[in-house]
C-alpha atoms as a PDB file:
ATOM      1  CA  MET A   1      77.790 163.264 167.983  1.00  0.00           C
ATOM      2  CA  SER A   2      74.366 163.543 169.518  1.00  0.00           C
ATOM      3  CA  LEU A   3      73.020 164.838 166.185  1.00  0.00           C
ATOM      4  CA  LEU A   4      73.803 161.496 164.529  1.00  0.00           C
ATOM      5  CA  PHE A   5      71.699 159.556 167.004  1.00  0.00           C
ATOM      6  CA  LYS A   6      68.786 162.003 166.879  1.00  0.00           C
ATOM      7  CA  ASN A   7      68.457 161.729 163.069  1.00  0.00           C
ATOM      8  CA  ASN A   8      65.938 158.886 162.623  1.00  0.00           C
ATOM      9  CA  LYS A   9      65.395 159.270 158.877  1.00  0.00           C
ATOM     10  CA  GLY A  10      67.393 156.113 157.946  1.00  0.00           C
ATOM     11  CA  LEU A  11      68.997 155.406 154.577  1.00  0.00           C
ATOM     12  CA  SER A  12      67.552 156.530 151.269  1.00  0.00           C
ATOM     13  CA  LEU A  13      66.898 154.060 148.453  1.00  0.00           C
ATOM     14  CA  ILE A  14      69.747 155.557 146.415  1.00  0.00           C
ATOM     15  CA  GLU A  15      72.236 154.985 149.245  1.00  0.00           C
ATOM     16  CA  VAL A  16      71.132 151.346 149.603  1.00  0.00           C
ATOM     17  CA  LEU A  17      71.412 150.717 145.846  1.00  0.00           C
ATOM     18  CA  ILE A  18      74.875 152.291 145.684  1.00  0.00           C
ATOM     19  CA  SER A  19      76.121 150.209 148.611  1.00  0.00           C
ATOM     20  CA  ILE A  20      74.719 146.991 147.046  1.00  0.00           C
ATOM     21  CA  THR A  21      76.403 147.868 143.733  1.00  0.00           C
ATOM     22  CA  ILE A  22      79.771 148.454 145.422  1.00  0.00           C
ATOM     23  CA  LEU A  23      79.409 145.210 147.385  1.00  0.00           C
ATOM     24  CA  GLY A  24      78.554 143.341 144.146  1.00  0.00           C
ATOM     25  CA  ILE A  25      81.624 144.678 142.353  1.00  0.00           C
ATOM     26  CA  ILE A  26      83.913 143.722 145.216  1.00  0.00           C
ATOM     27  CA  SER A  27      82.429 140.209 145.590  1.00  0.00           C
ATOM     28  CA  THR A  28      82.624 139.575 141.821  1.00  0.00           C
ATOM     29  CA  THR A  29      86.322 140.419 141.901  1.00  0.00           C
ATOM     30  CA  PHE A  30      86.943 137.934 144.707  1.00  0.00           C
ATOM     31  CA  LEU A  31      84.854 135.204 143.055  1.00  0.00           C
ATOM     32  CA  SER A  32      86.949 135.395 139.878  1.00  0.00           C
ATOM     33  CA  TYR A  33      90.003 134.442 141.946  1.00  0.00           C
ATOM     34  CA  PHE A  34      88.216 131.340 143.199  1.00  0.00           C
ATOM     35  CA  THR A  35      87.263 130.183 139.688  1.00  0.00           C
ATOM     36  CA  GLN A  36      90.839 130.676 138.482  1.00  0.00           C
ATOM     37  CA  ALA A  37      92.178 128.707 141.442  1.00  0.00           C
ATOM     38  CA  TYR A  38      89.669 125.924 140.783  1.00  0.00           C
ATOM     39  CA  SER A  39      90.628 125.592 137.106  1.00  0.00           C
ATOM     40  CA  TYR A  40      94.346 125.649 138.000  1.00  0.00           C
ATOM     41  CA  THR A  41      93.835 122.915 140.607  1.00  0.00           C
ATOM     42  CA  ASN A  42      91.824 120.823 138.156  1.00  0.00           C
ATOM     43  CA  ARG A  43      94.541 121.076 135.510  1.00  0.00           C
ATOM     44  CA  ASN A  44      97.225 120.098 138.009  1.00  0.00           C
ATOM     45  CA  GLN A  45      95.159 117.141 139.155  1.00  0.00           C
ATOM     46  CA  ASP A  46      94.889 115.901 135.550  1.00  0.00           C
ATOM     47  CA  GLN A  47      98.647 116.254 135.089  1.00  0.00           C
ATOM     48  CA  THR A  48      99.357 114.387 138.317  1.00  0.00           C
ATOM     49  CA  VAL A  49      97.112 111.503 137.293  1.00  0.00           C
ATOM     50  CA  GLY A  50      98.749 111.403 133.849  1.00  0.00           C
ATOM     51  CA  ILE A  51     102.244 111.290 135.328  1.00  0.00           C
ATOM     52  CA  ASN A  52     101.184 108.541 137.757  1.00  0.00           C
ATOM     53  CA  VAL A  53      99.774 106.481 134.872  1.00  0.00           C
ATOM     54  CA  ALA A  54     103.076 106.911 133.005  1.00  0.00           C
ATOM     55  CA  ARG A  55     105.072 105.895 136.094  1.00  0.00           C
ATOM     56  CA  ASN A  56     102.932 102.785 136.574  1.00  0.00           C
ATOM     57  CA  VAL A  57     103.535 101.698 132.973  1.00  0.00           C
ATOM     58  CA  LEU A  58     107.241 102.463 133.351  1.00  0.00           C
ATOM     59  CA  TYR A  59     107.402 100.375 136.528  1.00  0.00           C
ATOM     60  CA  TYR A  60     105.586  97.529 134.736  1.00  0.00           C
ATOM     61  CA  MET A  61     108.060  97.671 131.847  1.00  0.00           C
ATOM     62  CA  GLU A  62     111.070  97.821 134.183  1.00  0.00           C
ATOM     63  CA  GLN A  63     109.877  94.607 135.852  1.00  0.00           C
ATOM     64  CA  GLN A  64     109.967  92.700 132.549  1.00  0.00           C
ATOM     65  CA  ASP A  65     112.736  90.202 131.913  1.00  0.00           C
ATOM     66  CA  TYR A  66     115.648  91.839 130.080  1.00  0.00           C
ATOM     67  CA  GLN A  67     116.581  88.765 128.043  1.00  0.00           C
ATOM     68  CA  THR A  68     112.998  88.077 126.924  1.00  0.00           C
ATOM     69  CA  ILE A  69     112.527  91.688 125.789  1.00  0.00           C
ATOM     70  CA  LYS A  70     115.891  91.660 124.007  1.00  0.00           C
ATOM     71  CA  ASP A  71     115.190  88.358 122.227  1.00  0.00           C
ATOM     72  CA  GLN A  72     111.675  89.421 121.160  1.00  0.00           C
ATOM     73  CA  TYR A  73     112.303  92.989 120.018  1.00  0.00           C
ATOM     74  CA  PHE A  74     116.073  93.222 119.416  1.00  0.00           C
ATOM     75  CA  PRO A  75     117.171  89.870 117.975  1.00  0.00           C
ATOM     76  CA  ALA A  76     120.815  89.406 117.021  1.00  0.00           C
ATOM     77  CA  ASN A  77     120.094  89.676 113.274  1.00  0.00           C
ATOM     78  CA  SER A  78     118.134  92.935 113.678  1.00  0.00           C
ATOM     79  CA  ASN A  79     119.546  96.395 113.004  1.00  0.00           C
ATOM     80  CA  SER A  80     116.726  98.292 114.717  1.00  0.00           C
ATOM     81  CA  ASN A  81     117.620 100.403 117.721  1.00  0.00           C
ATOM     82  CA  GLU A  82     114.069 101.485 118.659  1.00  0.00           C
ATOM     83  CA  ILE A  83     110.752  99.702 118.894  1.00  0.00           C
ATOM     84  CA  GLN A  84     107.331 101.307 119.464  1.00  0.00           C
ATOM     85  CA  LEU A  85     104.916  99.335 121.664  1.00  0.00           C
ATOM     86  CA  THR A  86     101.183  99.978 121.976  1.00  0.00           C
ATOM     87  CA  VAL A  87      98.265  98.094 123.476  1.00  0.00           C
ATOM     88  CA  ASP A  88      98.360  95.825 120.387  1.00  0.00           C
ATOM     89  CA  ASN A  89     101.708  94.408 121.559  1.00  0.00           C
ATOM     90  CA  CYS A  90     100.072  93.082 124.720  1.00  0.00           C
ATOM     91  CA  ASN A  91      99.214  89.946 122.726  1.00  0.00           C
ATOM     92  CA  ASP A  92     102.934  89.200 122.275  1.00  0.00           C
ATOM     93  CA  SER A  93     104.224  86.238 124.259  1.00  0.00           C
ATOM     94  CA  VAL A  94     106.402  88.604 126.318  1.00  0.00           C
ATOM     95  CA  PHE A  95     103.566  90.140 128.336  1.00  0.00           C
ATOM     96  CA  ASP A  96     100.702  88.881 130.470  1.00  0.00           C
ATOM     97  CA  SER A  97      97.928  90.073 128.134  1.00  0.00           C
ATOM     98  CA  PRO A  98      95.170  91.199 130.571  1.00  0.00           C
ATOM     99  CA  VAL A  99      97.634  92.962 132.866  1.00  0.00           C
ATOM    100  CA  CYS A 100      99.427  94.608 129.962  1.00  0.00           C
ATOM    101  CA  LYS A 101      96.156  95.855 128.422  1.00  0.00           C
ATOM    102  CA  GLY A 102      95.177  97.318 131.787  1.00  0.00           C
ATOM    103  CA  PHE A 103      98.410  99.297 131.908  1.00  0.00           C
ATOM    104  CA  PHE A 104      98.423 100.431 128.272  1.00  0.00           C
ATOM    105  CA  SER A 105      94.784 101.514 128.156  1.00  0.00           C
ATOM    106  CA  THR A 106      93.526 102.985 131.427  1.00  0.00           C
ATOM    107  CA  LYS A 107      90.367 104.857 132.370  1.00  0.00           C
ATOM    108  CA  ILE A 108      90.491 107.013 135.509  1.00  0.00           C
ATOM    109  CA  ASN A 109      87.765 109.471 136.550  1.00  0.00           C
ATOM    110  CA  ASN A 110      86.016 108.870 133.203  1.00  0.00           C
ATOM    111  CA  VAL A 111      89.139 109.979 131.320  1.00  0.00           C
ATOM    112  CA  ASP A 112      90.797 107.574 128.871  1.00  0.00           C
ATOM    113  CA  TYR A 113      94.593 107.391 129.069  1.00  0.00           C
ATOM    114  CA  SER A 114      96.424 105.743 126.168  1.00  0.00           C
ATOM    115  CA  THR A 115     100.058 104.745 126.402  1.00  0.00           C
ATOM    116  CA  ASN A 116     102.866 104.363 123.882  1.00  0.00           C
ATOM    117  CA  VAL A 117     106.168 102.803 124.927  1.00  0.00           C
ATOM    118  CA  THR A 118     109.451 103.160 123.074  1.00  0.00           C
ATOM    119  CA  LEU A 119     112.165 100.587 123.743  1.00  0.00           C
ATOM    120  CA  SER A 120     115.666 101.658 122.758  1.00  0.00           C
ATOM    121  CA  ARG A 121     119.118 100.089 122.632  1.00  0.00           C
ATOM    122  CA  ASN A 122     120.684 103.598 122.753  1.00  0.00           C
ATOM    123  CA  VAL A 123     120.606 103.918 126.531  1.00  0.00           C
ATOM    124  CA  GLU A 124     122.790 107.017 126.762  1.00  0.00           C
ATOM    125  CA  ASN A 125     119.675 109.012 125.808  1.00  0.00           C
ATOM    126  CA  TYR A 126     117.687 107.532 128.694  1.00  0.00           C
ATOM    127  CA  SER A 127     119.935 108.063 131.691  1.00  0.00           C
ATOM    128  CA  ASN A 128     122.439 110.790 132.345  1.00  0.00           C
ATOM    129  CA  GLY A 129     126.020 109.665 132.096  1.00  0.00           C
ATOM    130  CA  THR A 130     125.390 106.001 131.261  1.00  0.00           C
ATOM    131  CA  ASN A 131     128.458 104.354 129.841  1.00  0.00           C
ATOM    132  CA  PRO A 132     127.811 103.265 126.207  1.00  0.00           C
ATOM    133  CA  ASP A 133     129.405  99.897 127.034  1.00  0.00           C
ATOM    134  CA  LEU A 134     126.418  99.199 129.285  1.00  0.00           C
ATOM    135  CA  SER A 135     124.071  99.060 126.296  1.00  0.00           C
ATOM    136  CA  ASN A 136     124.498  95.270 126.348  1.00  0.00           C
ATOM    137  CA  TYR A 137     122.953  95.231 129.825  1.00  0.00           C
ATOM    138  CA  LEU A 138     120.258  97.932 129.585  1.00  0.00           C
ATOM    139  CA  ILE A 139     117.238  98.708 127.424  1.00  0.00           C
ATOM    140  CA  GLY A 140     115.903 102.248 127.479  1.00  0.00           C
ATOM    141  CA  VAL A 141     112.183 102.722 128.079  1.00  0.00           C
ATOM    142  CA  GLU A 142     110.236 105.888 127.277  1.00  0.00           C
ATOM    143  CA  VAL A 143     106.568 105.939 128.281  1.00  0.00           C
ATOM    144  CA  GLN A 144     104.283 108.545 126.724  1.00  0.00           C
ATOM    145  CA  VAL A 145     100.748 108.901 128.088  1.00  0.00           C
ATOM    146  CA  ASN A 146      98.081 110.799 126.136  1.00  0.00           C
ATOM    147  CA  TRP A 147      94.696 111.997 127.390  1.00  0.00           C
ATOM    148  CA  LYS A 148      92.335 114.754 126.322  1.00  0.00           C
ATOM    149  CA  ASP A 149      94.742 117.278 124.786  1.00  0.00           C
ATOM    150  CA  GLN A 150      97.673 116.560 127.095  1.00  0.00           C
ATOM    151  CA  THR A 151     100.772 114.370 126.975  1.00  0.00           C
ATOM    152  CA  ARG A 152     103.315 113.368 129.620  1.00  0.00           C
ATOM    153  CA  THR A 153     106.519 111.375 129.191  1.00  0.00           C
ATOM    154  CA  VAL A 154     108.763 109.490 131.645  1.00  0.00           C
ATOM    155  CA  ARG A 155     111.935 107.481 131.032  1.00  0.00           C
ATOM    156  CA  GLY A 156     113.620 104.523 132.647  1.00  0.00           C
ATOM    157  CA  LEU A 157     115.687 101.394 132.011  1.00  0.00           C
ATOM    158  CA  ILE A 158     115.151  97.640 131.853  1.00  0.00           C
ATOM    159  CA  LYS A 159     118.189  96.089 133.530  1.00  0.00           C
ATOM    160  CA  LYS A 160     119.796  92.723 132.910  1.00  0.00           C
END
């Protein structure tokens, strides 16, 4: 033990370079985990924002008057069971145009979110176990939000 303390030569250049190389390899391995975690968190944040945009549009659509929507898009003489709505439909007399455009075309964190809404008279596809006889009292709503290369969809009902 006393021989270790009496040796005052220090470390050679080779020993220092080897230790720095080993330290570099170990730190690079740990840094790759941080970059993966960052990209995963970023992707999840984008998905969360997209789902929240879809839920906001769904909530807006669910607050619309059942009878007005039915009369405008599913008149008695019509055979159509589905209608596609986009930002262009915000000019219809059913919606408050500026509010509707804000919901259908949103920009959050410099990312553009576009929304397509499908209204359907076949409500059994939109809620589990809905009685088909209730189709006279419900309109199915499917909201699809698109941004970058991602898409999210939520479903709900407009009630009479």
